[in-house]
N, C-alpha and C. Protein backbone atom coordinates (compact mmCIF):
# COMPACT_ATOMS: atom_id res chain seq x y z
N UNK A 1 6.14 -26.77 -24.12
CA UNK A 1 5.73 -25.63 -24.56
C UNK A 1 5.50 -24.39 -23.33
N UNK A 2 5.09 -24.90 -22.58
CA UNK A 2 4.10 -24.31 -21.13
C UNK A 2 5.81 -23.81 -20.56
N UNK A 3 6.89 -24.64 -20.48
CA UNK A 3 7.81 -24.59 -19.62
C UNK A 3 9.11 -23.13 -20.13
N UNK A 4 9.08 -23.35 -21.43
CA UNK A 4 8.96 -21.83 -22.27
C UNK A 4 8.85 -20.47 -22.27
N UNK A 5 7.62 -20.70 -22.09
CA UNK A 5 6.67 -19.28 -21.49
C UNK A 5 6.95 -19.26 -20.17
N UNK A 6 7.45 -20.08 -19.61
CA UNK A 6 7.16 -19.83 -18.02
C UNK A 6 8.81 -18.99 -17.99
N UNK A 7 9.73 -19.80 -18.56
CA UNK A 7 10.94 -19.15 -18.37
C UNK A 7 11.10 -17.68 -19.10
N UNK A 8 10.61 -17.97 -20.14
CA UNK A 8 10.35 -16.35 -20.64
C UNK A 8 9.53 -15.23 -19.77
N UNK A 9 8.61 -15.71 -19.56
CA UNK A 9 8.23 -15.20 -18.52
C UNK A 9 9.42 -14.40 -17.02
N UNK A 10 9.89 -15.30 -16.54
CA UNK A 10 10.63 -14.77 -15.30
C UNK A 10 11.60 -14.01 -15.87
N UNK A 11 12.34 -14.22 -17.31
CA UNK A 11 13.67 -13.90 -17.74
C UNK A 11 13.29 -12.20 -17.52
N UNK A 12 11.95 -12.21 -18.36
CA UNK A 12 11.37 -10.61 -18.60
C UNK A 12 11.07 -9.83 -17.11
N UNK A 13 10.86 -10.79 -16.18
CA UNK A 13 10.88 -10.17 -14.89
C UNK A 13 12.09 -9.72 -14.01
N UNK A 14 13.00 -10.61 -14.26
CA UNK A 14 14.38 -9.95 -14.46
C UNK A 14 14.68 -8.84 -14.69
N UNK A 15 14.59 -9.28 -15.69
CA UNK A 15 15.04 -7.47 -16.89
C UNK A 15 14.48 -6.55 -16.39
N UNK A 16 12.81 -6.59 -15.76
CA UNK A 16 12.65 -5.39 -14.88
C UNK A 16 13.17 -5.20 -13.89
N UNK A 17 13.28 -6.13 -13.09
CA UNK A 17 13.86 -5.88 -11.97
C UNK A 17 14.97 -5.01 -11.94
N UNK A 18 16.08 -5.60 -12.66
CA UNK A 18 17.24 -5.37 -12.90
C UNK A 18 17.54 -3.77 -13.24
N UNK A 19 16.58 -3.29 -13.90
CA UNK A 19 16.44 -2.22 -14.52
C UNK A 19 16.19 -0.97 -13.61
N UNK A 20 14.70 -1.58 -12.95
CA UNK A 20 14.04 -0.52 -11.82
C UNK A 20 15.84 -0.46 -10.66
N UNK A 21 16.20 -1.64 -10.30
CA UNK A 21 17.32 -0.94 -9.50
C UNK A 21 18.23 -0.60 -10.06
N UNK A 22 18.66 0.51 -11.65
CA UNK A 22 19.63 0.84 -11.87
C UNK A 22 18.98 2.35 -11.70
N UNK A 23 17.72 2.64 -11.51
CA UNK A 23 17.63 3.77 -11.46
C UNK A 23 17.53 4.42 -9.99
N UNK A 24 18.86 5.53 -9.86
CA UNK A 24 19.22 6.15 -8.37
C UNK A 24 18.15 6.67 -7.64
N UNK A 25 17.96 6.19 -6.73
CA UNK A 25 17.00 6.74 -5.59
C UNK A 25 17.44 7.96 -5.07
N UNK A 26 16.71 9.32 -5.03
CA UNK A 26 16.45 10.20 -3.96
C UNK A 26 16.81 9.78 -2.10
N UNK A 27 17.63 9.94 -2.02
CA UNK A 27 18.03 10.10 -0.59
C UNK A 27 17.07 11.02 0.42
N UNK A 28 16.28 10.58 0.98
CA UNK A 28 15.27 11.26 1.82
C UNK A 28 15.73 11.82 3.11
N UNK A 29 15.34 12.93 3.53
CA UNK A 29 15.65 13.05 5.00
C UNK A 29 15.06 12.37 5.81
N UNK A 30 15.07 12.66 7.15
CA UNK A 30 14.48 12.05 8.52
C UNK A 30 12.95 12.38 8.40
N UNK A 31 13.19 13.71 8.13
CA UNK A 31 11.29 14.17 7.91
C UNK A 31 10.57 13.62 6.97
N UNK A 32 11.28 13.40 5.82
CA UNK A 32 10.89 13.01 4.56
C UNK A 32 10.41 11.30 5.11
N UNK A 33 11.70 10.69 5.60
CA UNK A 33 11.43 9.27 5.82
C UNK A 33 10.38 9.15 6.81
N UNK A 34 10.16 9.75 7.63
CA UNK A 34 9.03 10.54 8.63
C UNK A 34 7.97 9.83 8.51
N UNK A 35 7.24 11.09 7.38
CA UNK A 35 6.62 11.14 6.65
C UNK A 35 5.87 10.26 5.23
N UNK A 36 6.82 9.48 5.26
CA UNK A 36 6.64 8.42 3.71
C UNK A 36 5.89 7.46 4.76
N UNK A 37 6.95 6.69 5.92
CA UNK A 37 6.17 5.73 6.94
C UNK A 37 4.95 5.79 7.33
N UNK A 38 4.96 6.90 8.06
CA UNK A 38 3.51 7.34 8.12
C UNK A 38 2.11 7.57 7.45
N UNK A 39 2.38 7.88 6.33
CA UNK A 39 1.59 7.55 5.25
C UNK A 39 0.93 6.12 4.86
N UNK A 40 2.21 5.76 4.52
CA UNK A 40 2.33 4.33 4.31
C UNK A 40 1.38 3.41 5.46
N UNK A 41 1.67 3.48 6.54
CA UNK A 41 0.79 3.14 7.88
C UNK A 41 -0.05 3.17 7.51
N UNK A 42 -0.80 4.70 7.51
CA UNK A 42 -2.39 5.04 7.27
C UNK A 42 -3.08 4.16 5.72
N UNK A 43 -2.33 4.35 4.96
CA UNK A 43 -2.96 3.71 3.72
C UNK A 43 -3.11 1.83 3.77
N UNK A 44 -2.22 1.42 4.86
CA UNK A 44 -2.38 -0.01 5.36
C UNK A 44 -3.58 -0.01 6.10
N UNK A 45 -3.81 0.53 6.85
CA UNK A 45 -4.68 0.50 8.00
C UNK A 45 -6.15 1.10 7.75
N UNK A 46 -6.07 1.37 6.40
CA UNK A 46 -7.28 1.80 5.74
C UNK A 46 -7.57 0.77 4.92
N UNK A 47 -6.85 0.22 4.58
CA UNK A 47 -6.86 -1.03 3.74
C UNK A 47 -7.63 -2.29 4.08
N UNK A 48 -7.12 -2.42 5.49
CA UNK A 48 -7.56 -2.83 6.33
C UNK A 48 -8.70 -3.05 7.16
N UNK A 49 -9.24 -1.50 7.41
CA UNK A 49 -10.47 -1.24 7.93
C UNK A 49 -11.59 -1.69 7.22
N UNK A 50 -11.28 -0.98 5.42
CA UNK A 50 -12.25 -1.79 4.14
C UNK A 50 -12.25 -3.37 4.25
N UNK A 51 -11.53 -3.92 4.40
CA UNK A 51 -11.62 -4.94 4.52
C UNK A 51 -12.54 -5.42 5.19
N UNK A 52 -12.19 -4.77 6.84
CA UNK A 52 -12.87 -5.34 7.47
C UNK A 52 -14.58 -4.69 7.47
N UNK A 53 -14.82 -3.48 6.62
CA UNK A 53 -16.09 -2.98 6.99
C UNK A 53 -17.08 -4.28 5.51
N UNK A 54 -16.17 -5.01 4.88
CA UNK A 54 -16.72 -5.13 3.76
C UNK A 54 -17.12 -6.68 4.96
N UNK A 55 -16.88 -7.35 5.78
CA UNK A 55 -17.03 -8.74 6.25
C UNK A 55 -17.98 -8.32 7.40
N UNK A 56 -18.19 -7.17 7.97
CA UNK A 56 -18.71 -7.18 8.89
C UNK A 56 -20.74 -7.36 8.70
N UNK A 57 -21.09 -7.91 9.94
CA UNK A 57 -22.52 -7.56 9.74
C UNK A 57 -23.31 -6.83 10.96
N UNK A 58 -22.58 -6.79 12.03
CA UNK A 58 -23.31 -5.97 13.35
C UNK A 58 -23.58 -4.22 12.89
N UNK A 59 -24.73 -4.11 12.47
CA UNK A 59 -24.55 -2.43 12.42
C UNK A 59 -23.54 -1.18 13.42
N UNK A 60 -23.59 -1.81 14.36
CA UNK A 60 -22.70 -1.03 15.18
C UNK A 60 -21.14 -1.01 15.43
N UNK A 61 -20.93 -2.46 14.41
CA UNK A 61 -19.44 -2.78 14.57
C UNK A 61 -19.15 -1.72 12.98
N UNK A 62 -19.95 -1.89 12.00
CA UNK A 62 -19.64 -1.36 11.10
C UNK A 62 -20.08 -0.02 10.99
N UNK A 63 -20.86 0.46 12.01
CA UNK A 63 -20.20 1.99 12.42
C UNK A 63 -18.84 2.51 12.65
N UNK A 64 -19.00 1.89 13.77
CA UNK A 64 -17.48 1.87 14.64
C UNK A 64 -16.14 2.06 13.05
N UNK A 65 -16.45 1.23 12.42
CA UNK A 65 -15.52 0.84 11.15
C UNK A 65 -15.19 1.98 10.19
N UNK A 66 -16.75 2.87 9.65
CA UNK A 66 -16.76 3.59 8.72
C UNK A 66 -16.41 4.82 9.72
N UNK A 67 -16.32 5.19 10.91
CA UNK A 67 -16.04 6.64 11.62
C UNK A 67 -14.14 6.41 11.56
N UNK A 68 -13.63 4.91 11.95
CA UNK A 68 -12.26 4.95 11.86
C UNK A 68 -11.77 5.26 10.41
N UNK A 69 -12.81 4.64 9.27
CA UNK A 69 -12.00 5.39 8.47
C UNK A 69 -12.25 6.17 7.77
N UNK A 70 -12.82 6.75 8.10
CA UNK A 70 -13.39 8.71 7.89
C UNK A 70 -12.09 9.42 8.66
N UNK A 71 -11.31 8.79 10.58
CA UNK A 71 -10.71 9.37 10.34
C UNK A 71 -9.04 9.29 10.20
N UNK A 72 -8.90 8.19 9.37
CA UNK A 72 -7.72 7.37 9.02
C UNK A 72 -7.68 8.61 7.38
N UNK A 73 -8.53 8.66 6.57
CA UNK A 73 -8.78 9.29 5.64
C UNK A 73 -8.69 10.99 5.81
N UNK A 74 -9.43 11.57 6.60
CA UNK A 74 -8.81 12.78 7.13
C UNK A 74 -7.35 12.83 7.23
N UNK A 75 -7.21 12.05 8.73
CA UNK A 75 -5.12 11.59 8.35
C UNK A 75 -4.47 11.87 7.60
N UNK A 76 -4.70 11.08 6.18
CA UNK A 76 -4.12 10.88 5.13
C UNK A 76 -4.28 12.06 4.55
N UNK A 77 -5.45 13.00 4.37
CA UNK A 77 -5.67 14.39 3.43
C UNK A 77 -4.56 15.08 3.78
N UNK A 78 -4.59 15.27 5.75
CA UNK A 78 -3.57 16.51 6.12
C UNK A 78 -2.00 16.13 5.82
N UNK A 79 -1.61 14.75 5.46
CA UNK A 79 -0.47 14.44 5.01
C UNK A 79 -0.12 15.18 3.72
N UNK A 80 -1.02 15.32 3.17
CA UNK A 80 -0.46 15.25 1.42
C UNK A 80 -0.42 16.89 1.42
């Protein structure tokens, strides 16, 4: 029974993936692609800093990370 359920899940995932690839994507020009990459890099850096803040125990290190987070959020707002 579990095997049948698993195969149906895989089948549904494959169907969904095929449907997503059918939708045509708009071609980005060089500037749009650069901004998209920059936004994604900033978003990932923000996520990494948030994870480090959660684990940080030293107050000065935590302050440094919070300052970095504020800077990243400012840059993200500037891109939007």
